[in-house]
Amino acid sequence: MTFTNVLPTGRLFAALALTCAVLAATLVPVAAGEVRFGKNVRVGGHDFSNQRFDSKHRARIYLYDRKPRKEGCVWRKDGHGGRVKICHLQRK
């Protein structure tokens, strides 16, 4: 009985490297990030100073050229145990 190599050596090495890269990417935990706004931070002309956002407290800021229908900011649940600050603001 003779065995033949299905993949040439170059392709076998490439397939092995690709498999290792995929496994490493799936097993590495996601880096937790946090954004802290300091003094005098403005988004679209609106004051967002001294606020902190991370994976549990996030922000979605919509800027409009005209007056938005729902003007202002409101905190809402995101369905995953966190909160989202949704802001509809007119650009100044």
PDB file of N, CA and C in Angstrom:
ATOM      1  N   MET A   1       0.844  -1.157   0.000  1.00  0.00           N
ATOM      2  CA  MET A   1       0.000   0.000   0.000  1.00  0.00           C
ATOM      3  C   MET A   1       0.900   1.233   0.000  1.00  0.00           C
ATOM      4  N   THR A   2       0.587   2.170  -0.891  1.00  0.00           N
ATOM      5  CA  THR A   2       1.372   3.392  -0.960  1.00  0.00           C
ATOM      6  C   THR A   2       0.476   4.580  -0.617  1.00  0.00           C
ATOM      7  N   PHE A   3       1.047   5.511   0.117  1.00  0.00           N
ATOM      8  CA  PHE A   3       0.339   6.747   0.466  1.00  0.00           C
ATOM      9  C   PHE A   3       0.886   7.873  -0.380  1.00  0.00           C
ATOM     10  N   THR A   4      -0.017   8.674  -0.880  1.00  0.00           N
ATOM     11  CA  THR A   4       0.430   9.842  -1.634  1.00  0.00           C
ATOM     12  C   THR A   4       0.035  11.101  -0.865  1.00  0.00           C
ATOM     13  N   ASN A   5       0.867  12.072  -0.961  1.00  0.00           N
ATOM     14  CA  ASN A   5       0.608  13.333  -0.296  1.00  0.00           C
ATOM     15  C   ASN A   5      -0.421  14.112  -1.106  1.00  0.00           C
ATOM     16  N   VAL A   6      -1.556  14.428  -0.488  1.00  0.00           N
ATOM     17  CA  VAL A   6      -2.628  15.127  -1.188  1.00  0.00           C
ATOM     18  C   VAL A   6      -2.238  16.578  -1.450  1.00  0.00           C
ATOM     19  N   LEU A   7      -1.623  17.224  -0.454  1.00  0.00           N
ATOM     20  CA  LEU A   7      -1.199  18.607  -0.602  1.00  0.00           C
ATOM     21  C   LEU A   7       0.317  18.669  -0.723  1.00  0.00           C
ATOM     22  N   PRO A   8       0.833  19.448  -1.651  1.00  0.00           N
ATOM     23  CA  PRO A   8       2.279  19.644  -1.701  1.00  0.00           C
ATOM     24  C   PRO A   8       2.753  20.334  -0.425  1.00  0.00           C
ATOM     25  N   THR A   9       4.033  20.277  -0.159  1.00  0.00           N
ATOM     26  CA  THR A   9       4.595  20.788   1.079  1.00  0.00           C
ATOM     27  C   THR A   9       4.296  22.276   1.272  1.00  0.00           C
ATOM     28  N   GLY A  10       4.394  23.090   0.271  1.00  0.00           N
ATOM     29  CA  GLY A  10       4.122  24.526   0.376  1.00  0.00           C
ATOM     30  C   GLY A  10       2.677  24.801   0.759  1.00  0.00           C
ATOM     31  N   ARG A  11       1.761  24.085   0.122  1.00  0.00           N
ATOM     32  CA  ARG A  11       0.346  24.281   0.430  1.00  0.00           C
ATOM     33  C   ARG A  11       0.008  23.740   1.813  1.00  0.00           C
ATOM     34  N   LEU A  12       0.644  22.657   2.209  1.00  0.00           N
ATOM     35  CA  LEU A  12       0.401  22.090   3.537  1.00  0.00           C
ATOM     36  C   LEU A  12       0.837  23.078   4.617  1.00  0.00           C
ATOM     37  N   PHE A  13       2.006  23.703   4.426  1.00  0.00           N
ATOM     38  CA  PHE A  13       2.484  24.690   5.383  1.00  0.00           C
ATOM     39  C   PHE A  13       1.552  25.902   5.426  1.00  0.00           C
ATOM     40  N   ALA A  14       1.081  26.367   4.275  1.00  0.00           N
ATOM     41  CA  ALA A  14       0.166  27.508   4.213  1.00  0.00           C
ATOM     42  C   ALA A  14      -1.158  27.181   4.894  1.00  0.00           C
ATOM     43  N   ALA A  15      -1.676  25.980   4.686  1.00  0.00           N
ATOM     44  CA  ALA A  15      -2.931  25.580   5.322  1.00  0.00           C
ATOM     45  C   ALA A  15      -2.758  25.482   6.836  1.00  0.00           C
ATOM     46  N   LEU A  16      -1.616  24.967   7.290  1.00  0.00           N
ATOM     47  CA  LEU A  16      -1.337  24.866   8.722  1.00  0.00           C
ATOM     48  C   LEU A  16      -1.201  26.255   9.351  1.00  0.00           C
ATOM     49  N   ALA A  17      -0.513  27.167   8.668  1.00  0.00           N
ATOM     50  CA  ALA A  17      -0.355  28.530   9.182  1.00  0.00           C
ATOM     51  C   ALA A  17      -1.701  29.245   9.244  1.00  0.00           C
ATOM     52  N   LEU A  18      -2.550  29.049   8.233  1.00  0.00           N
ATOM     53  CA  LEU A  18      -3.875  29.669   8.222  1.00  0.00           C
ATOM     54  C   LEU A  18      -4.739  29.129   9.351  1.00  0.00           C
ATOM     55  N   THR A  19      -4.673  27.841   9.595  1.00  0.00           N
ATOM     56  CA  THR A  19      -5.432  27.224  10.685  1.00  0.00           C
ATOM     57  C   THR A  19      -4.982  27.761  12.040  1.00  0.00           C
ATOM     58  N   CYS A  20      -3.680  27.887  12.230  1.00  0.00           N
ATOM     59  CA  CYS A  20      -3.164  28.432  13.497  1.00  0.00           C
ATOM     60  C   CYS A  20      -3.573  29.883  13.681  1.00  0.00           C
ATOM     61  N   ALA A  21      -3.554  30.667  12.611  1.00  0.00           N
ATOM     62  CA  ALA A  21      -3.935  32.075  12.701  1.00  0.00           C
ATOM     63  C   ALA A  21      -5.410  32.229  13.063  1.00  0.00           C
ATOM     64  N   VAL A  22      -6.251  31.388  12.472  1.00  0.00           N
ATOM     65  CA  VAL A  22      -7.685  31.450  12.778  1.00  0.00           C
ATOM     66  C   VAL A  22      -7.941  31.032  14.222  1.00  0.00           C
ATOM     67  N   LEU A  23      -7.288  29.996  14.685  1.00  0.00           N
ATOM     68  CA  LEU A  23      -7.456  29.563  16.076  1.00  0.00           C
ATOM     69  C   LEU A  23      -6.966  30.624  17.053  1.00  0.00           C
ATOM     70  N   ALA A  24      -5.842  31.249  16.743  1.00  0.00           N
ATOM     71  CA  ALA A  24      -5.305  32.283  17.628  1.00  0.00           C
ATOM     72  C   ALA A  24      -6.243  33.489  17.683  1.00  0.00           C
ATOM     73  N   ALA A  25      -6.834  33.851  16.552  1.00  0.00           N
ATOM     74  CA  ALA A  25      -7.737  35.013  16.517  1.00  0.00           C
ATOM     75  C   ALA A  25      -9.023  34.750  17.285  1.00  0.00           C
ATOM     76  N   THR A  26      -9.506  33.525  17.268  1.00  0.00           N
ATOM     77  CA  THR A  26     -10.760  33.223  17.972  1.00  0.00           C
ATOM     78  C   THR A  26     -10.550  33.030  19.463  1.00  0.00           C
ATOM     79  N   LEU A  27      -9.367  32.645  19.879  1.00  0.00           N
ATOM     80  CA  LEU A  27      -9.134  32.376  21.292  1.00  0.00           C
ATOM     81  C   LEU A  27      -8.616  33.584  22.066  1.00  0.00           C
ATOM     82  N   VAL A  28      -8.153  34.621  21.371  1.00  0.00           N
ATOM     83  CA  VAL A  28      -7.639  35.811  22.038  1.00  0.00           C
ATOM     84  C   VAL A  28      -8.820  36.658  22.500  1.00  0.00           C
ATOM     85  N   PRO A  29      -8.871  37.059  23.772  1.00  0.00           N
ATOM     86  CA  PRO A  29     -10.001  37.860  24.230  1.00  0.00           C
ATOM     87  C   PRO A  29      -9.970  39.255  23.616  1.00  0.00           C
ATOM     88  N   VAL A  30     -11.145  39.818  23.496  1.00  0.00           N
ATOM     89  CA  VAL A  30     -11.266  41.158  22.929  1.00  0.00           C
ATOM     90  C   VAL A  30     -10.761  42.165  23.950  1.00  0.00           C
ATOM     91  N   ALA A  31      -9.993  43.125  23.495  1.00  0.00           N
ATOM     92  CA  ALA A  31      -9.450  44.148  24.387  1.00  0.00           C
ATOM     93  C   ALA A  31     -10.565  45.086  24.826  1.00  0.00           C
ATOM     94  N   ALA A  32     -10.675  45.283  26.119  1.00  0.00           N
ATOM     95  CA  ALA A  32     -11.683  46.184  26.653  1.00  0.00           C
ATOM     96  C   ALA A  32     -11.182  47.610  26.557  1.00  0.00           C
ATOM     97  N   GLY A  33     -11.994  48.468  25.988  1.00  0.00           N
ATOM     98  CA  GLY A  33     -11.589  49.855  25.827  1.00  0.00           C
ATOM     99  C   GLY A  33     -12.544  50.784  26.553  1.00  0.00           C
ATOM    100  N   GLU A  34     -12.039  51.944  26.879  1.00  0.00           N
ATOM    101  CA  GLU A  34     -12.852  52.948  27.541  1.00  0.00           C
ATOM    102  C   GLU A  34     -12.450  54.304  27.007  1.00  0.00           C
ATOM    103  N   VAL A  35     -13.440  55.140  26.766  1.00  0.00           N
ATOM    104  CA  VAL A  35     -13.192  56.489  26.289  1.00  0.00           C
ATOM    105  C   VAL A  35     -13.589  57.448  27.395  1.00  0.00           C
ATOM    106  N   ARG A  36     -12.660  58.315  27.783  1.00  0.00           N
ATOM    107  CA  ARG A  36     -12.943  59.334  28.791  1.00  0.00           C
ATOM    108  C   ARG A  36     -12.749  60.693  28.143  1.00  0.00           C
ATOM    109  N   PHE A  37     -13.831  61.466  28.148  1.00  0.00           N
ATOM    110  CA  PHE A  37     -13.735  62.822  27.630  1.00  0.00           C
ATOM    111  C   PHE A  37     -13.320  63.733  28.763  1.00  0.00           C
ATOM    112  N   GLY A  38     -12.358  64.590  28.522  1.00  0.00           N
ATOM    113  CA  GLY A  38     -11.868  65.513  29.538  1.00  0.00           C
ATOM    114  C   GLY A  38     -12.537  66.871  29.429  1.00  0.00           C
ATOM    115  N   LYS A  39     -11.786  67.897  29.715  1.00  0.00           N
ATOM    116  CA  LYS A  39     -12.321  69.258  29.694  1.00  0.00           C
ATOM    117  C   LYS A  39     -12.500  69.750  28.256  1.00  0.00           C
ATOM    118  N   ASN A  40     -13.534  70.555  28.084  1.00  0.00           N
ATOM    119  CA  ASN A  40     -13.789  71.275  26.827  1.00  0.00           C
ATOM    120  C   ASN A  40     -13.882  70.361  25.607  1.00  0.00           C
ATOM    121  N   VAL A  41     -14.601  69.243  25.722  1.00  0.00           N
ATOM    122  CA  VAL A  41     -14.804  68.340  24.588  1.00  0.00           C
ATOM    123  C   VAL A  41     -16.141  68.674  23.951  1.00  0.00           C
ATOM    124  N   ARG A  42     -16.103  68.927  22.639  1.00  0.00           N
ATOM    125  CA  ARG A  42     -17.321  69.286  21.935  1.00  0.00           C
ATOM    126  C   ARG A  42     -17.516  68.344  20.757  1.00  0.00           C
ATOM    127  N   VAL A  43     -18.769  67.872  20.581  1.00  0.00           N
ATOM    128  CA  VAL A  43     -19.136  67.032  19.450  1.00  0.00           C
ATOM    129  C   VAL A  43     -20.221  67.789  18.693  1.00  0.00           C
ATOM    130  N   GLY A  44     -19.897  68.233  17.501  1.00  0.00           N
ATOM    131  CA  GLY A  44     -20.859  68.994  16.718  1.00  0.00           C
ATOM    132  C   GLY A  44     -21.257  70.299  17.370  1.00  0.00           C
ATOM    133  N   GLY A  45     -20.414  70.849  18.223  1.00  0.00           N
ATOM    134  CA  GLY A  45     -20.705  72.094  18.904  1.00  0.00           C
ATOM    135  C   GLY A  45     -21.401  71.914  20.239  1.00  0.00           C
ATOM    136  N   HIS A  46     -21.667  70.665  20.639  1.00  0.00           N
ATOM    137  CA  HIS A  46     -22.339  70.386  21.907  1.00  0.00           C
ATOM    138  C   HIS A  46     -21.329  69.882  22.924  1.00  0.00           C
ATOM    139  N   ASP A  47     -21.518  70.270  24.177  1.00  0.00           N
ATOM    140  CA  ASP A  47     -20.568  69.953  25.248  1.00  0.00           C
ATOM    141  C   ASP A  47     -20.715  68.511  25.705  1.00  0.00           C
ATOM    142  N   PHE A  48     -19.641  67.717  25.593  1.00  0.00           N
ATOM    143  CA  PHE A  48     -19.606  66.347  26.080  1.00  0.00           C
ATOM    144  C   PHE A  48     -18.450  66.177  27.066  1.00  0.00           C
ATOM    145  N   SER A  49     -18.156  67.209  27.822  1.00  0.00           N
ATOM    146  CA  SER A  49     -17.033  67.180  28.759  1.00  0.00           C
ATOM    147  C   SER A  49     -17.303  66.245  29.930  1.00  0.00           C
ATOM    148  N   ASN A  50     -16.222  65.641  30.428  1.00  0.00           N
ATOM    149  CA  ASN A  50     -16.233  64.799  31.632  1.00  0.00           C
ATOM    150  C   ASN A  50     -17.265  63.680  31.578  1.00  0.00           C
ATOM    151  N   GLN A  51     -17.341  62.983  30.446  1.00  0.00           N
ATOM    152  CA  GLN A  51     -18.195  61.812  30.315  1.00  0.00           C
ATOM    153  C   GLN A  51     -17.326  60.615  30.016  1.00  0.00           C
ATOM    154  N   ARG A  52     -17.813  59.441  30.377  1.00  0.00           N
ATOM    155  CA  ARG A  52     -17.046  58.208  30.248  1.00  0.00           C
ATOM    156  C   ARG A  52     -17.918  57.165  29.560  1.00  0.00           C
ATOM    157  N   PHE A  53     -17.370  56.502  28.531  1.00  0.00           N
ATOM    158  CA  PHE A  53     -18.105  55.471  27.801  1.00  0.00           C
ATOM    159  C   PHE A  53     -17.234  54.227  27.688  1.00  0.00           C
ATOM    160  N   ASP A  54     -17.850  53.057  27.910  1.00  0.00           N
ATOM    161  CA  ASP A  54     -17.157  51.778  27.765  1.00  0.00           C
ATOM    162  C   ASP A  54     -18.151  50.768  27.198  1.00  0.00           C
ATOM    163  N   SER A  55     -17.913  49.470  27.404  1.00  0.00           N
ATOM    164  CA  SER A  55     -18.789  48.459  26.820  1.00  0.00           C
ATOM    165  C   SER A  55     -20.168  48.424  27.469  1.00  0.00           C
ATOM    166  N   LYS A  56     -20.295  48.877  28.708  1.00  0.00           N
ATOM    167  CA  LYS A  56     -21.588  48.885  29.388  1.00  0.00           C
ATOM    168  C   LYS A  56     -22.331  50.201  29.238  1.00  0.00           C
ATOM    169  N   HIS A  57     -21.622  51.287  29.045  1.00  0.00           N
ATOM    170  CA  HIS A  57     -22.211  52.609  28.856  1.00  0.00           C
ATOM    171  C   HIS A  57     -21.684  53.180  27.546  1.00  0.00           C
ATOM    172  N   ARG A  58     -22.537  53.105  26.515  1.00  0.00           N
ATOM    173  CA  ARG A  58     -22.109  53.528  25.188  1.00  0.00           C
ATOM    174  C   ARG A  58     -22.874  54.766  24.764  1.00  0.00           C
ATOM    175  N   ALA A  59     -22.490  55.346  23.652  1.00  0.00           N
ATOM    176  CA  ALA A  59     -23.166  56.533  23.132  1.00  0.00           C
ATOM    177  C   ALA A  59     -23.344  56.399  21.629  1.00  0.00           C
ATOM    178  N   ARG A  60     -24.502  56.856  21.168  1.00  0.00           N
ATOM    179  CA  ARG A  60     -24.784  57.001  19.745  1.00  0.00           C
ATOM    180  C   ARG A  60     -25.184  58.446  19.533  1.00  0.00           C
ATOM    181  N   ILE A  61     -24.405  59.195  18.782  1.00  0.00           N
ATOM    182  CA  ILE A  61     -24.653  60.610  18.590  1.00  0.00           C
ATOM    183  C   ILE A  61     -24.967  60.850  17.123  1.00  0.00           C
ATOM    184  N   TYR A  62     -26.163  61.357  16.873  1.00  0.00           N
ATOM    185  CA  TYR A  62     -26.602  61.677  15.522  1.00  0.00           C
ATOM    186  C   TYR A  62     -26.591  63.195  15.375  1.00  0.00           C
ATOM    187  N   LEU A  63     -25.869  63.693  14.381  1.00  0.00           N
ATOM    188  CA  LEU A  63     -25.787  65.129  14.116  1.00  0.00           C
ATOM    189  C   LEU A  63     -26.574  65.454  12.852  1.00  0.00           C
ATOM    190  N   TYR A  64     -27.405  66.494  12.946  1.00  0.00           N
ATOM    191  CA  TYR A  64     -28.258  66.897  11.835  1.00  0.00           C
ATOM    192  C   TYR A  64     -27.915  68.319  11.424  1.00  0.00           C
ATOM    193  N   ASP A  65     -28.079  68.622  10.126  1.00  0.00           N
ATOM    194  CA  ASP A  65     -27.905  69.985   9.646  1.00  0.00           C
ATOM    195  C   ASP A  65     -29.136  70.829   9.994  1.00  0.00           C
ATOM    196  N   ARG A  66     -30.295  70.195  10.036  1.00  0.00           N
ATOM    197  CA  ARG A  66     -31.535  70.865  10.415  1.00  0.00           C
ATOM    198  C   ARG A  66     -31.959  70.405  11.800  1.00  0.00           C
ATOM    199  N   LYS A  67     -33.060  70.950  12.295  1.00  0.00           N
ATOM    200  CA  LYS A  67     -33.540  70.585  13.628  1.00  0.00           C
ATOM    201  C   LYS A  67     -34.080  69.145  13.599  1.00  0.00           C
ATOM    202  N   PRO A  68     -33.579  68.253  14.477  1.00  0.00           N
ATOM    203  CA  PRO A  68     -34.055  66.870  14.484  1.00  0.00           C
ATOM    204  C   PRO A  68     -35.456  66.748  15.091  1.00  0.00           C
ATOM    205  N   ARG A  69     -36.147  65.668  14.738  1.00  0.00           N
ATOM    206  CA  ARG A  69     -37.493  65.448  15.288  1.00  0.00           C
ATOM    207  C   ARG A  69     -37.443  65.238  16.792  1.00  0.00           C
ATOM    208  N   LYS A  70     -36.563  64.349  17.247  1.00  0.00           N
ATOM    209  CA  LYS A  70     -36.414  64.067  18.678  1.00  0.00           C
ATOM    210  C   LYS A  70     -35.128  64.718  19.157  1.00  0.00           C
ATOM    211  N   GLU A  71     -35.212  65.981  19.508  1.00  0.00           N
ATOM    212  CA  GLU A  71     -34.009  66.705  19.889  1.00  0.00           C
ATOM    213  C   GLU A  71     -33.623  66.392  21.331  1.00  0.00           C
ATOM    214  N   GLY A  72     -32.336  66.231  21.592  1.00  0.00           N
ATOM    215  CA  GLY A  72     -31.834  65.997  22.939  1.00  0.00           C
ATOM    216  C   GLY A  72     -31.237  64.606  23.101  1.00  0.00           C
ATOM    217  N   CYS A  73     -30.914  64.251  24.364  1.00  0.00           N
ATOM    218  CA  CYS A  73     -30.279  62.978  24.688  1.00  0.00           C
ATOM    219  C   CYS A  73     -31.157  62.189  25.658  1.00  0.00           C
ATOM    220  N   VAL A  74     -31.121  60.875  25.534  1.00  0.00           N
ATOM    221  CA  VAL A  74     -31.880  60.004  26.419  1.00  0.00           C
ATOM    222  C   VAL A  74     -31.099  58.702  26.601  1.00  0.00           C
ATOM    223  N   TRP A  75     -31.140  58.142  27.814  1.00  0.00           N
ATOM    224  CA  TRP A  75     -30.492  56.859  28.090  1.00  0.00           C
ATOM    225  C   TRP A  75     -31.487  55.738  27.823  1.00  0.00           C
ATOM    226  N   ARG A  76     -31.071  54.690  27.128  1.00  0.00           N
ATOM    227  CA  ARG A  76     -31.906  53.530  26.820  1.00  0.00           C
ATOM    228  C   ARG A  76     -31.137  52.256  27.161  1.00  0.00           C
ATOM    229  N   LYS A  77     -31.869  51.182  27.455  1.00  0.00           N
ATOM    230  CA  LYS A  77     -31.238  49.873  27.655  1.00  0.00           C
ATOM    231  C   LYS A  77     -30.867  49.303  26.298  1.00  0.00           C
ATOM    232  N   ASP A  78     -29.749  48.562  26.256  1.00  0.00           N
ATOM    233  CA  ASP A  78     -29.327  47.997  24.978  1.00  0.00           C
ATOM    234  C   ASP A  78     -29.709  46.530  24.825  1.00  0.00           C
ATOM    235  N   GLY A  79     -30.288  45.909  25.848  1.00  0.00           N
ATOM    236  CA  GLY A  79     -30.701  44.516  25.742  1.00  0.00           C
ATOM    237  C   GLY A  79     -29.621  43.529  26.120  1.00  0.00           C
ATOM    238  N   HIS A  80     -28.429  44.005  26.450  1.00  0.00           N
ATOM    239  CA  HIS A  80     -27.322  43.134  26.832  1.00  0.00           C
ATOM    240  C   HIS A  80     -26.760  43.509  28.192  1.00  0.00           C
ATOM    241  N   GLY A  81     -27.568  44.161  29.023  1.00  0.00           N
ATOM    242  CA  GLY A  81     -27.123  44.541  30.358  1.00  0.00           C
ATOM    243  C   GLY A  81     -26.414  45.872  30.428  1.00  0.00           C
ATOM    244  N   GLY A  82     -26.416  46.620  29.364  1.00  0.00           N
ATOM    245  CA  GLY A  82     -25.753  47.913  29.343  1.00  0.00           C
ATOM    246  C   GLY A  82     -26.738  49.022  29.016  1.00  0.00           C
ATOM    247  N   ARG A  83     -26.197  50.223  28.892  1.00  0.00           N
ATOM    248  CA  ARG A  83     -27.022  51.378  28.567  1.00  0.00           C
ATOM    249  C   ARG A  83     -26.397  52.140  27.407  1.00  0.00           C
ATOM    250  N   VAL A  84     -27.262  52.765  26.617  1.00  0.00           N
ATOM    251  CA  VAL A  84     -26.818  53.537  25.465  1.00  0.00           C
ATOM    252  C   VAL A  84     -27.387  54.942  25.583  1.00  0.00           C
ATOM    253  N   LYS A  85     -26.524  55.940  25.462  1.00  0.00           N
ATOM    254  CA  LYS A  85     -26.967  57.326  25.434  1.00  0.00           C
ATOM    255  C   LYS A  85     -27.183  57.700  23.976  1.00  0.00           C
ATOM    256  N   ILE A  86     -28.445  57.936  23.609  1.00  0.00           N
ATOM    257  CA  ILE A  86     -28.788  58.268  22.233  1.00  0.00           C
ATOM    258  C   ILE A  86     -29.048  59.761  22.172  1.00  0.00           C
ATOM    259  N   CYS A  87     -28.288  60.457  21.328  1.00  0.00           N
ATOM    260  CA  CYS A  87     -28.401  61.903  21.205  1.00  0.00           C
ATOM    261  C   CYS A  87     -28.728  62.267  19.763  1.00  0.00           C
ATOM    262  N   HIS A  88     -29.788  63.059  19.592  1.00  0.00           N
ATOM    263  CA  HIS A  88     -30.149  63.646  18.309  1.00  0.00           C
ATOM    264  C   HIS A  88     -29.907  65.132  18.443  1.00  0.00           C
ATOM    265  N   LEU A  89     -28.839  65.633  17.816  1.00  0.00           N
ATOM    266  CA  LEU A  89     -28.409  67.008  18.009  1.00  0.00           C
ATOM    267  C   LEU A  89     -28.281  67.738  16.677  1.00  0.00           C
ATOM    268  N   GLN A  90     -28.551  69.035  16.718  1.00  0.00           N
ATOM    269  CA  GLN A  90     -28.369  69.876  15.549  1.00  0.00           C
ATOM    270  C   GLN A  90     -26.950  70.415  15.560  1.00  0.00           C
ATOM    271  N   ARG A  91     -26.290  70.321  14.445  1.00  0.00           N
ATOM    272  CA  ARG A  91     -24.912  70.815  14.327  1.00  0.00           C
ATOM    273  C   ARG A  91     -24.923  72.329  14.487  1.00  0.00           C
ATOM    274  N   LYS A  92     -24.016  72.831  15.304  1.00  0.00           N
ATOM    275  CA  LYS A  92     -23.962  74.291  15.540  1.00  0.00           C
ATOM    276  C   LYS A  92     -22.985  74.950  14.620  1.00  0.00           C
TER     277      LYS A  92
END
